[in-house]
Amino acid sequence: MAKVATSDPWPPLPGEFEVGNPEDCVAVATCGSHMSDFPLGAGAALTGPCKTENIGIEKLVANIISNPNIRFLIITGMEVKGHITGQAINAFHKGGIDADGRIIGAVGAIPFIQNLDADAIARFQEQIVECVDLIDTEDEGKISAAIKACVAKDPGALDVEPMLVKLEEGGGEEEIEGFRPMAAEVATVRARIKEIETVTIATGNMNKFAAGVYAAKIEGIMIGLTITLILLGLVVMAEGALSFLVGGA
């Protein structure tokens, strides 16, 4: 099967990844997990985390389309809370972006793409013939087996020149110009706060109900006691009147 030259250097963008044989046909994105470089031994050209649903995906795509030999992308590792990066990668490959730059179908906090034009997106979608979904999997055996399955059906390099993408300077893994992604911890804390507010409201309503029941009980007791005293008074008065009548007779 035909192989072609990659960009020089390759990969062109730095990141937290390991590089293997550039002629291999598989890239592995481990989302929020930091794993060893075992995928390289199974036949991957590139492996490493992809933590954010914006700059992270842009870097991943840029490093893939600069090497036409890569035809498969395995998405694995633990999903990143708040960013939901793995799902965003799948959605990006399937549907691209809308007119506002938002990844169609992505559910993460800030899934906006700013540094990939229509040609780069189309190249990624054409070059990657399959995204293998192993999200939330860290099992080395399963991941290695998936890599080998992709290698077995390698169609060869896409017959194109490597495409280079330049990200805006200052763009970091956790940031995108004009937007600041919601950190996973912030999303979790906000969810917990909402749960606490819900429980607090429910507890307050229960306390109000209990207070109402208690007040009704006290009111009932007082009314019953008053009626009892009145009846007792009437009985005493009746006995007194009866004694007076009997004595007068």
Protein backbone atom coordinates (compact mmCIF):
# COMPACT_ATOMS: atom_id res chain seq x y z
CA MET A 1 0.00 0.00 0.00
CA ALA A 2 1.22 3.47 -0.88
CA LYS A 3 2.75 5.74 1.74
CA VAL A 4 3.61 9.42 1.34
CA ALA A 5 5.83 12.01 2.95
CA THR A 6 4.55 13.96 5.95
CA SER A 7 5.09 17.60 6.82
CA ASP A 8 8.58 18.52 7.97
CA PRO A 9 8.68 18.53 10.92
CA TRP A 10 5.92 16.14 11.87
CA PRO A 11 3.87 16.58 13.88
CA PRO A 12 3.98 20.35 13.30
CA LEU A 13 2.25 21.35 16.55
CA PRO A 14 3.60 20.51 20.02
CA GLY A 15 1.53 18.74 22.63
CA GLU A 16 1.33 16.01 25.26
CA PHE A 17 1.68 13.13 22.83
CA GLU A 18 4.08 10.42 21.76
CA VAL A 19 5.14 9.86 18.16
CA GLY A 20 5.77 6.54 16.47
CA ASN A 21 6.26 5.54 12.84
CA PRO A 22 4.79 8.35 10.68
CA GLU A 23 3.82 5.79 8.04
CA ASP A 24 1.44 4.02 10.42
CA CYS A 25 -2.24 4.59 9.71
CA VAL A 26 -3.70 5.12 13.21
CA ALA A 27 -3.85 8.09 15.59
CA VAL A 28 -5.05 7.59 19.18
CA ALA A 29 -6.67 10.38 21.22
CA THR A 30 -6.85 9.41 24.90
CA CYS A 31 -9.12 12.32 25.94
CA GLY A 32 -8.43 13.06 29.63
CA SER A 33 -6.30 9.97 30.30
CA HIS A 34 -2.51 9.99 30.41
CA MET A 35 -1.44 6.54 29.26
CA SER A 36 1.88 4.99 28.35
CA ASP A 37 3.04 4.88 24.74
CA PHE A 38 1.83 1.28 24.27
CA PRO A 39 -0.36 2.29 21.25
CA LEU A 40 2.83 2.98 19.27
CA GLY A 41 3.89 -0.63 19.64
CA ALA A 42 0.50 -1.78 18.37
CA GLY A 43 0.78 0.29 15.19
CA ALA A 44 -0.21 3.88 16.03
CA ALA A 45 1.65 6.83 14.54
CA LEU A 46 0.53 9.26 17.23
CA THR A 47 -0.98 8.93 20.71
CA GLY A 48 -1.80 11.31 23.53
CA PRO A 49 -4.52 13.20 25.40
CA CYS A 50 -6.97 15.68 23.89
CA LYS A 51 -8.52 17.60 26.76
CA THR A 52 -10.55 20.44 25.27
CA GLU A 53 -13.32 20.59 22.70
CA ASN A 54 -11.82 23.59 20.89
CA ILE A 55 -8.04 24.16 20.80
CA GLY A 56 -7.44 20.53 21.74
CA ILE A 57 -9.40 19.28 18.74
CA GLU A 58 -7.79 21.87 16.46
CA LYS A 59 -4.30 20.64 17.40
CA LEU A 60 -5.32 17.02 16.94
CA VAL A 61 -6.78 17.69 13.49
CA ALA A 62 -3.79 19.80 12.43
CA ASN A 63 -1.37 17.02 13.34
CA ILE A 64 -3.46 14.43 11.51
CA ILE A 65 -3.97 16.28 8.21
CA SER A 66 -0.25 17.05 8.06
CA ASN A 67 0.27 13.28 7.71
CA PRO A 68 -1.88 11.73 4.93
CA ASN A 69 -0.79 8.24 6.05
CA ILE A 70 -3.13 8.45 9.06
CA ARG A 71 -6.53 7.04 8.06
CA PHE A 72 -8.05 5.97 11.39
CA LEU A 73 -8.65 7.81 14.67
CA ILE A 74 -9.28 5.87 17.86
CA ILE A 75 -10.97 7.94 20.59
CA THR A 76 -10.37 6.40 23.97
CA GLY A 77 -9.48 7.19 27.58
CA MET A 78 -11.75 8.80 30.14
CA GLU A 79 -14.13 11.48 28.93
CA VAL A 80 -13.32 14.99 30.15
CA LYS A 81 -16.11 16.31 32.39
CA GLY A 82 -17.56 19.62 31.23
CA HIS A 83 -15.67 19.59 27.92
CA ILE A 84 -16.98 16.17 26.73
CA THR A 85 -14.10 16.16 24.25
CA GLY A 86 -14.42 12.60 22.97
CA GLN A 87 -18.04 13.12 21.96
CA ALA A 88 -17.07 16.44 20.35
CA ILE A 89 -14.40 14.75 18.21
CA ASN A 90 -16.94 12.23 16.94
CA ALA A 91 -19.46 15.00 16.25
CA PHE A 92 -16.83 17.10 14.46
CA HIS A 93 -15.84 14.22 12.16
CA LYS A 94 -19.48 13.47 11.39
CA GLY A 95 -20.98 16.93 10.97
CA GLY A 96 -18.27 19.59 10.99
CA ILE A 97 -19.24 23.05 12.23
CA ASP A 98 -22.11 25.48 11.72
CA ALA A 99 -21.92 29.08 10.50
CA ASP A 100 -20.89 30.27 13.97
CA GLY A 101 -18.03 27.78 14.23
CA ARG A 102 -19.80 25.53 16.71
CA ILE A 103 -19.29 21.80 16.30
CA ILE A 104 -22.62 20.40 15.14
CA GLY A 105 -24.03 18.00 17.70
CA ALA A 106 -21.34 18.59 20.34
CA VAL A 107 -22.59 18.80 23.94
CA GLY A 108 -19.48 20.17 25.68
CA ALA A 109 -19.09 23.60 27.26
CA ILE A 110 -17.45 25.59 24.44
CA PRO A 111 -17.23 23.45 21.27
CA PHE A 112 -16.13 26.24 18.92
CA ILE A 113 -13.54 25.86 16.16
CA GLN A 114 -11.76 29.04 15.03
CA ASN A 115 -8.51 27.96 13.43
CA LEU A 116 -9.65 25.31 10.95
CA ASP A 117 -11.10 26.51 7.65
CA ALA A 118 -13.52 24.60 5.44
CA ASP A 119 -10.68 22.96 3.48
CA ALA A 120 -8.98 21.66 6.64
CA ILE A 121 -12.26 20.28 7.98
CA ALA A 122 -13.09 18.61 4.66
CA ARG A 123 -9.60 17.10 4.51
CA PHE A 124 -9.95 15.65 8.02
CA GLN A 125 -13.35 14.16 7.21
CA GLU A 126 -12.05 12.64 3.96
CA GLN A 127 -8.73 11.41 5.35
CA ILE A 128 -10.13 9.71 8.47
CA VAL A 129 -12.18 6.85 7.10
CA GLU A 130 -13.31 5.75 10.57
CA CYS A 131 -13.44 7.13 14.10
CA VAL A 132 -13.34 4.19 16.49
CA ASP A 133 -15.30 5.02 19.66
CA LEU A 134 -13.66 3.55 22.76
CA ILE A 135 -14.51 6.47 25.04
CA ASP A 136 -14.13 5.72 28.77
CA THR A 137 -11.91 2.74 27.99
CA GLU A 138 -8.40 2.49 29.44
CA ASP A 139 -7.97 -1.24 28.83
CA GLU A 140 -4.67 -1.60 26.98
CA GLY A 141 -5.72 -4.93 25.49
CA LYS A 142 -8.91 -3.52 23.94
CA ILE A 143 -7.14 -0.43 22.64
CA SER A 144 -4.26 -2.44 21.14
CA ALA A 145 -6.74 -4.82 19.49
CA ALA A 146 -8.61 -1.88 17.95
CA ILE A 147 -5.36 -0.44 16.59
CA LYS A 148 -4.37 -3.76 15.03
CA ALA A 149 -7.85 -4.11 13.49
CA CYS A 150 -7.40 -0.72 11.82
CA VAL A 151 -3.90 -1.59 10.61
CA ALA A 152 -5.29 -4.75 9.02
CA LYS A 153 -7.61 -2.71 6.81
CA ASP A 154 -5.25 0.18 6.03
CA PRO A 155 -6.32 1.61 2.64
CA GLY A 156 -2.99 3.36 2.21
CA ALA A 157 -2.21 7.06 2.36
CA LEU A 158 -4.65 9.62 1.02
CA ASP A 159 -3.16 10.80 -2.28
CA VAL A 160 -2.72 14.44 -1.29
CA GLU A 161 -0.01 16.76 -0.02
CA PRO A 162 0.31 17.29 3.74
CA MET A 163 -1.85 20.22 4.88
CA LEU A 164 -0.41 22.66 7.41
CA VAL A 165 -2.58 24.65 9.82
CA LYS A 166 -1.26 27.55 11.86
CA LEU A 167 -3.01 28.22 15.15
CA GLU A 168 -3.31 31.77 16.43
CA GLU A 169 -0.44 32.68 18.72
CA GLY A 170 -1.29 32.53 22.40
CA GLY A 171 -3.87 29.81 21.85
CA GLY A 172 -3.43 27.27 24.60
CA GLU A 173 -4.87 23.83 25.21
CA GLU A 174 -7.37 25.24 27.70
CA GLU A 175 -8.28 28.48 25.98
CA ILE A 176 -9.79 29.83 22.79
CA GLU A 177 -9.81 33.50 21.84
CA GLY A 178 -13.05 35.20 22.80
CA PHE A 179 -14.18 32.27 24.88
CA ARG A 180 -13.02 30.64 28.09
CA PRO A 181 -14.08 27.01 28.41
CA MET A 182 -15.81 25.91 31.56
CA ALA A 183 -13.36 23.84 33.58
CA ALA A 184 -14.51 20.37 34.50
CA GLU A 185 -14.20 21.22 38.18
CA VAL A 186 -16.38 24.33 37.78
CA ALA A 187 -19.07 22.35 35.97
CA THR A 188 -19.04 19.74 38.72
CA VAL A 189 -19.21 22.34 41.51
CA ARG A 190 -22.10 24.13 39.80
CA ALA A 191 -23.97 20.87 39.46
CA ARG A 192 -23.42 20.12 43.15
CA ILE A 193 -24.59 23.62 44.12
CA LYS A 194 -27.76 23.13 42.09
CA GLU A 195 -28.37 19.80 43.81
CA ILE A 196 -27.87 21.44 47.22
CA GLU A 197 -30.29 24.24 46.32
CA THR A 198 -32.89 21.68 45.26
CA VAL A 199 -32.49 19.70 48.48
CA THR A 200 -32.62 22.89 50.56
CA ILE A 201 -35.87 24.00 48.94
CA ALA A 202 -37.39 20.56 49.42
CA THR A 203 -36.29 20.52 53.07
CA GLY A 204 -37.79 23.97 53.62
CA ASN A 205 -41.10 22.86 52.15
CA MET A 206 -41.10 19.78 54.39
CA ASN A 207 -40.37 21.94 57.43
CA LYS A 208 -43.24 24.25 56.54
CA PHE A 209 -45.55 21.28 56.17
CA ALA A 210 -44.40 19.81 59.48
CA ALA A 211 -44.85 23.17 61.21
CA GLY A 212 -48.36 23.44 59.81
CA VAL A 213 -49.24 19.95 60.99
CA TYR A 214 -47.83 20.69 64.46
CA ALA A 215 -49.75 23.97 64.69
CA ALA A 216 -52.95 22.22 63.62
CA LYS A 217 -52.43 19.58 66.31
CA ILE A 218 -51.92 22.22 69.04
CA GLU A 219 -54.97 24.12 67.84
CA GLY A 220 -57.03 20.93 67.89
CA ILE A 221 -55.89 20.11 71.42
CA MET A 222 -56.77 23.60 72.67
CA ILE A 223 -60.19 23.48 71.05
CA GLY A 224 -60.83 20.04 72.52
CA LEU A 225 -59.72 21.18 75.98
CA THR A 226 -61.95 24.27 75.80
CA ILE A 227 -64.96 22.21 74.80
CA THR A 228 -64.22 19.73 77.58
CA LEU A 229 -64.04 22.50 80.18
CA ILE A 230 -67.29 24.01 78.93
CA LEU A 231 -69.04 20.66 79.06
CA LEU A 232 -67.62 19.99 82.52
CA GLY A 233 -68.83 23.40 83.67
CA LEU A 234 -72.29 22.71 82.31
CA VAL A 235 -72.38 19.37 84.13
CA VAL A 236 -71.35 21.01 87.41
CA MET A 237 -73.93 23.74 86.96
CA ALA A 238 -76.61 21.17 86.16
CA GLU A 239 -75.78 19.16 89.29
CA GLY A 240 -75.89 22.32 91.41
CA ALA A 241 -79.25 23.32 90.01
CA LEU A 242 -80.61 19.84 90.59
CA SER A 243 -79.42 19.85 94.22
CA PHE A 244 -81.06 23.25 94.78
CA LEU A 245 -84.36 22.05 93.42
CA VAL A 246 -84.28 18.88 95.50
CA GLY A 247 -83.42 20.83 98.66
CA GLY A 248 -86.21 23.36 98.07
CA ALA A 249 -88.75 20.61 97.66
